[in-house]
Amino acid sequence: MSDTESNSSNRQTGIATALQHPQPFEESTIFDEYREIMTRSHEQQRQIYSEFKAFTDDVASWVKAASQFDNFRSRKRIKTRLEWIKAKHGEIEGVRREVVTCVEAVRAALSMLGGITRSLKGFSGIVKDEFDGGNDSDLQEPRSVDCAGPNQACAK
């Protein structure tokens, strides 16, 4: 007999033996296996749930920390901007003081030259100056200058 024929006959006898002698049906074994499988399944579910809960706790902590960090950065940014604004305000105030000093110097110079009948108010408006002839050889009689605007001719 060849190897294939002997293997085939052995299989047939094994199958026949298994069919002739079925294993007895034990209900308690099946329930025990079911309980064991369900216990392992519940343990895996508890482990997955605990990992998930730890993950969500970590995410919640991260969100809280990120929110606090953003608030800190916002406060720092606002503080920096306020410092910049205060510095610019100081610079502008310095320029304003210089302009006021210059205007006062111009007023003093004009008053020394012959007096101003009307004080300067701002940088626009009608300026009326009257000069005395006095000892100046150029100015022999008092004269007034009226200018209505920058594009209009002045009357002497």
C-alpha atoms as a PDB file:
ATOM      1  CA  MET A   1       0.000   0.000   0.000  1.00  0.00           C
ATOM      2  CA  SER A   2       1.216   3.471  -0.828  1.00  0.00           C
ATOM      3  CA  ASP A   3       1.551   6.352   1.634  1.00  0.00           C
ATOM      4  CA  THR A   4      -1.496   8.181   0.315  1.00  0.00           C
ATOM      5  CA  GLU A   5      -3.660   5.099   0.598  1.00  0.00           C
ATOM      6  CA  SER A   6      -2.514   4.413   4.153  1.00  0.00           C
ATOM      7  CA  ASN A   7      -3.113   8.065   5.204  1.00  0.00           C
ATOM      8  CA  SER A   8      -6.567   8.003   3.725  1.00  0.00           C
ATOM      9  CA  SER A   9      -7.521   4.778   5.484  1.00  0.00           C
ATOM     10  CA  ASN A  10      -6.193   6.106   8.803  1.00  0.00           C
ATOM     11  CA  ARG A  11      -8.320   9.194   8.409  1.00  0.00           C
ATOM     12  CA  GLN A  12     -11.395   7.211   7.689  1.00  0.00           C
ATOM     13  CA  THR A  13     -10.931   5.038  10.782  1.00  0.00           C
ATOM     14  CA  GLY A  14     -10.275   8.154  12.925  1.00  0.00           C
ATOM     15  CA  ILE A  15     -13.407   9.820  11.658  1.00  0.00           C
ATOM     16  CA  ALA A  16     -15.424   6.693  12.163  1.00  0.00           C
ATOM     17  CA  THR A  17     -14.140   6.329  15.717  1.00  0.00           C
ATOM     18  CA  ALA A  18     -14.971   9.964  16.499  1.00  0.00           C
ATOM     19  CA  LEU A  19     -18.443   9.521  15.105  1.00  0.00           C
ATOM     20  CA  GLN A  20     -19.047   6.332  17.018  1.00  0.00           C
ATOM     21  CA  HIS A  21     -17.858   7.723  20.359  1.00  0.00           C
ATOM     22  CA  PRO A  22     -19.215  11.222  20.845  1.00  0.00           C
ATOM     23  CA  GLN A  23     -18.093  13.032  23.934  1.00  0.00           C
ATOM     24  CA  PRO A  24     -20.725  13.361  26.610  1.00  0.00           C
ATOM     25  CA  PHE A  25     -22.529  16.706  26.866  1.00  0.00           C
ATOM     26  CA  GLU A  26     -21.699  18.367  30.155  1.00  0.00           C
ATOM     27  CA  GLU A  27     -23.714  21.437  30.887  1.00  0.00           C
ATOM     28  CA  SER A  28     -21.584  22.555  33.848  1.00  0.00           C
ATOM     29  CA  THR A  29     -18.421  22.627  31.705  1.00  0.00           C
ATOM     30  CA  ILE A  30     -20.077  24.824  29.117  1.00  0.00           C
ATOM     31  CA  PHE A  31     -21.347  27.251  31.806  1.00  0.00           C
ATOM     32  CA  ASP A  32     -17.914  27.315  33.453  1.00  0.00           C
ATOM     33  CA  GLU A  33     -16.257  28.141  30.119  1.00  0.00           C
ATOM     34  CA  TYR A  34     -18.915  30.816  29.454  1.00  0.00           C
ATOM     35  CA  ARG A  35     -18.346  32.384  32.893  1.00  0.00           C
ATOM     36  CA  GLU A  36     -14.584  32.344  32.340  1.00  0.00           C
ATOM     37  CA  ILE A  37     -14.915  33.985  28.919  1.00  0.00           C
ATOM     38  CA  MET A  38     -17.342  36.622  30.287  1.00  0.00           C
ATOM     39  CA  THR A  39     -15.045  37.299  33.265  1.00  0.00           C
ATOM     40  CA  ARG A  40     -12.104  37.897  30.919  1.00  0.00           C
ATOM     41  CA  SER A  41     -14.303  40.073  28.704  1.00  0.00           C
ATOM     42  CA  HIS A  42     -15.472  42.174  31.685  1.00  0.00           C
ATOM     43  CA  GLU A  43     -11.888  42.524  32.904  1.00  0.00           C
ATOM     44  CA  GLN A  44     -10.796  43.713  29.451  1.00  0.00           C
ATOM     45  CA  GLN A  45     -13.710  46.176  29.395  1.00  0.00           C
ATOM     46  CA  ARG A  46     -12.770  47.494  32.861  1.00  0.00           C
ATOM     47  CA  GLN A  47      -9.153  47.885  31.757  1.00  0.00           C
ATOM     48  CA  ILE A  48     -10.184  49.709  28.567  1.00  0.00           C
ATOM     49  CA  TYR A  49     -12.558  51.933  30.569  1.00  0.00           C
ATOM     50  CA  SER A  50      -9.866  52.780  33.136  1.00  0.00           C
ATOM     51  CA  GLU A  51      -7.412  53.633  30.320  1.00  0.00           C
ATOM     52  CA  PHE A  52     -10.081  55.771  28.656  1.00  0.00           C
ATOM     53  CA  LYS A  53     -10.878  57.553  31.935  1.00  0.00           C
ATOM     54  CA  ALA A  54      -7.170  58.238  32.527  1.00  0.00           C
ATOM     55  CA  PHE A  55      -6.902  59.569  28.972  1.00  0.00           C
ATOM     56  CA  THR A  56      -9.913  61.879  29.380  1.00  0.00           C
ATOM     57  CA  ASP A  57      -8.516  63.119  32.711  1.00  0.00           C
ATOM     58  CA  ASP A  58      -5.223  63.902  30.981  1.00  0.00           C
ATOM     59  CA  VAL A  59      -7.038  65.719  28.181  1.00  0.00           C
ATOM     60  CA  ALA A  60      -9.076  67.737  30.705  1.00  0.00           C
ATOM     61  CA  SER A  61      -5.875  68.695  32.541  1.00  0.00           C
ATOM     62  CA  TRP A  62      -4.254  69.686  29.255  1.00  0.00           C
ATOM     63  CA  VAL A  63      -7.255  71.842  28.306  1.00  0.00           C
ATOM     64  CA  LYS A  64      -7.196  73.576  31.689  1.00  0.00           C
ATOM     65  CA  ALA A  65      -3.437  74.184  31.462  1.00  0.00           C
ATOM     66  CA  ALA A  66      -3.732  75.445  27.871  1.00  0.00           C
ATOM     67  CA  SER A  67      -6.487  77.851  28.899  1.00  0.00           C
ATOM     68  CA  GLN A  68      -4.407  79.191  31.790  1.00  0.00           C
ATOM     69  CA  PHE A  69      -1.365  79.505  29.537  1.00  0.00           C
ATOM     70  CA  ASP A  70      -3.406  81.437  26.943  1.00  0.00           C
ATOM     71  CA  ASN A  71      -4.717  83.744  29.677  1.00  0.00           C
ATOM     72  CA  PHE A  72      -1.157  84.327  30.894  1.00  0.00           C
ATOM     73  CA  ARG A  73       0.055  85.098  27.368  1.00  0.00           C
ATOM     74  CA  SER A  74      -2.886  87.465  26.803  1.00  0.00           C
ATOM     75  CA  ARG A  75      -2.160  89.349  30.020  1.00  0.00           C
ATOM     76  CA  LYS A  76       1.524  89.579  29.092  1.00  0.00           C
ATOM     77  CA  ARG A  77       0.652  90.807  25.585  1.00  0.00           C
ATOM     78  CA  ILE A  78      -1.729  93.445  26.969  1.00  0.00           C
ATOM     79  CA  LYS A  79       0.881  94.548  29.513  1.00  0.00           C
ATOM     80  CA  THR A  80       3.473  94.892  26.743  1.00  0.00           C
ATOM     81  CA  ARG A  81       1.067  96.924  24.617  1.00  0.00           C
ATOM     82  CA  LEU A  82       0.193  99.210  27.546  1.00  0.00           C
ATOM     83  CA  GLU A  83       3.895  99.790  28.233  1.00  0.00           C
ATOM     84  CA  TRP A  84       4.410 100.652  24.553  1.00  0.00           C
ATOM     85  CA  ILE A  85       1.433 103.051  24.621  1.00  0.00           C
ATOM     86  CA  LYS A  86       2.741 104.729  27.789  1.00  0.00           C
ATOM     87  CA  ALA A  87       6.189 105.096  26.187  1.00  0.00           C
ATOM     88  CA  LYS A  88       4.669 106.629  23.037  1.00  0.00           C
ATOM     89  CA  HIS A  89       2.496 108.900  25.174  1.00  0.00           C
ATOM     90  CA  GLY A  90       5.653 110.057  26.960  1.00  0.00           C
ATOM     91  CA  GLU A  91       7.342 110.736  23.627  1.00  0.00           C
ATOM     92  CA  ILE A  92       4.326 112.681  22.369  1.00  0.00           C
ATOM     93  CA  GLU A  93       4.174 114.646  25.627  1.00  0.00           C
ATOM     94  CA  GLY A  94       7.875 115.541  25.179  1.00  0.00           C
ATOM     95  CA  VAL A  95       7.208 116.747  21.636  1.00  0.00           C
ATOM     96  CA  ARG A  96       4.204 118.755  22.890  1.00  0.00           C
ATOM     97  CA  ARG A  97       6.364 120.428  25.536  1.00  0.00           C
ATOM     98  CA  GLU A  98       8.973 121.289  22.893  1.00  0.00           C
ATOM     99  CA  VAL A  99       6.278 122.816  20.655  1.00  0.00           C
ATOM    100  CA  VAL A 100       4.854 124.810  23.576  1.00  0.00           C
ATOM    101  CA  THR A 101       8.361 126.034  24.420  1.00  0.00           C
ATOM    102  CA  CYS A 102       8.926 127.062  20.790  1.00  0.00           C
ATOM    103  CA  VAL A 103       5.573 128.880  20.641  1.00  0.00           C
ATOM    104  CA  GLU A 104       6.394 130.730  23.861  1.00  0.00           C
ATOM    105  CA  ALA A 105       9.821 131.647  22.470  1.00  0.00           C
ATOM    106  CA  VAL A 106       8.210 132.960  19.271  1.00  0.00           C
ATOM    107  CA  ARG A 107       5.695 134.995  21.316  1.00  0.00           C
ATOM    108  CA  ALA A 108       8.486 136.434  23.426  1.00  0.00           C
ATOM    109  CA  ALA A 109      10.501 137.314  20.305  1.00  0.00           C
ATOM    110  CA  LEU A 110       7.513 138.963  18.634  1.00  0.00           C
ATOM    111  CA  SER A 111       6.673 140.928  21.747  1.00  0.00           C
ATOM    112  CA  MET A 112      10.272 142.150  21.893  1.00  0.00           C
ATOM    113  CA  LEU A 113      10.096 143.259  18.245  1.00  0.00           C
ATOM    114  CA  GLY A 114       7.135 145.496  18.680  1.00  0.00           C
ATOM    115  CA  GLY A 115       4.377 143.826  20.561  1.00  0.00           C
ATOM    116  CA  ILE A 116       1.466 141.745  19.528  1.00  0.00           C
ATOM    117  CA  THR A 117      -1.989 143.197  19.923  1.00  0.00           C
ATOM    118  CA  ARG A 118      -3.609 139.831  19.760  1.00  0.00           C
ATOM    119  CA  SER A 119      -2.187 136.641  21.294  1.00  0.00           C
ATOM    120  CA  LEU A 120      -1.566 133.643  19.059  1.00  0.00           C
ATOM    121  CA  LYS A 121      -4.189 130.966  19.397  1.00  0.00           C
ATOM    122  CA  GLY A 122      -3.065 127.776  17.730  1.00  0.00           C
ATOM    123  CA  PHE A 123      -1.462 127.670  14.342  1.00  0.00           C
ATOM    124  CA  SER A 124      -4.419 128.864  12.272  1.00  0.00           C
ATOM    125  CA  GLY A 125      -6.528 131.965  12.233  1.00  0.00           C
ATOM    126  CA  ILE A 126      -6.086 135.596  11.382  1.00  0.00           C
ATOM    127  CA  VAL A 127      -2.967 137.210  12.718  1.00  0.00           C
ATOM    128  CA  LYS A 128      -2.923 140.976  13.063  1.00  0.00           C
ATOM    129  CA  ASP A 129       0.377 142.597  13.882  1.00  0.00           C
ATOM    130  CA  GLU A 130       0.960 146.287  14.470  1.00  0.00           C
ATOM    131  CA  PHE A 131       4.439 147.691  14.586  1.00  0.00           C
ATOM    132  CA  ASP A 132       5.504 151.133  15.773  1.00  0.00           C
ATOM    133  CA  GLY A 133       7.750 153.204  13.574  1.00  0.00           C
ATOM    134  CA  GLY A 134       9.839 154.141  16.591  1.00  0.00           C
ATOM    135  CA  ASN A 135      13.550 154.222  15.997  1.00  0.00           C
ATOM    136  CA  ASP A 136      13.475 151.737  13.112  1.00  0.00           C
ATOM    137  CA  SER A 137      14.388 153.377   9.839  1.00  0.00           C
ATOM    138  CA  ASP A 138      12.465 150.762   7.815  1.00  0.00           C
ATOM    139  CA  LEU A 139       9.182 151.374   9.605  1.00  0.00           C
ATOM    140  CA  GLN A 140       8.193 154.999   9.363  1.00  0.00           C
ATOM    141  CA  GLU A 141       4.506 154.691  10.161  1.00  0.00           C
ATOM    142  CA  PRO A 142       2.360 152.106  11.909  1.00  0.00           C
ATOM    143  CA  ARG A 143       0.878 149.596   9.557  1.00  0.00           C
ATOM    144  CA  SER A 144      -1.416 146.601   9.936  1.00  0.00           C
ATOM    145  CA  VAL A 145      -1.583 143.397   7.952  1.00  0.00           C
ATOM    146  CA  ASP A 146      -4.893 141.622   7.474  1.00  0.00           C
ATOM    147  CA  CYS A 147      -4.854 138.234   5.779  1.00  0.00           C
ATOM    148  CA  ALA A 148      -8.128 136.421   5.261  1.00  0.00           C
ATOM    149  CA  GLY A 149      -6.508 133.137   4.296  1.00  0.00           C
ATOM    150  CA  PRO A 150      -3.424 131.541   2.845  1.00  0.00           C
ATOM    151  CA  ASN A 151      -4.530 131.871  -0.779  1.00  0.00           C
ATOM    152  CA  GLN A 152      -5.839 135.424  -0.541  1.00  0.00           C
ATOM    153  CA  ALA A 153      -3.848 138.624  -0.912  1.00  0.00           C
ATOM    154  CA  CYS A 154      -2.991 140.554   2.201  1.00  0.00           C
ATOM    155  CA  ALA A 155      -4.106 144.210   2.495  1.00  0.00           C
ATOM    156  CA  LYS A 156      -1.619 146.726   3.876  1.00  0.00           C
END
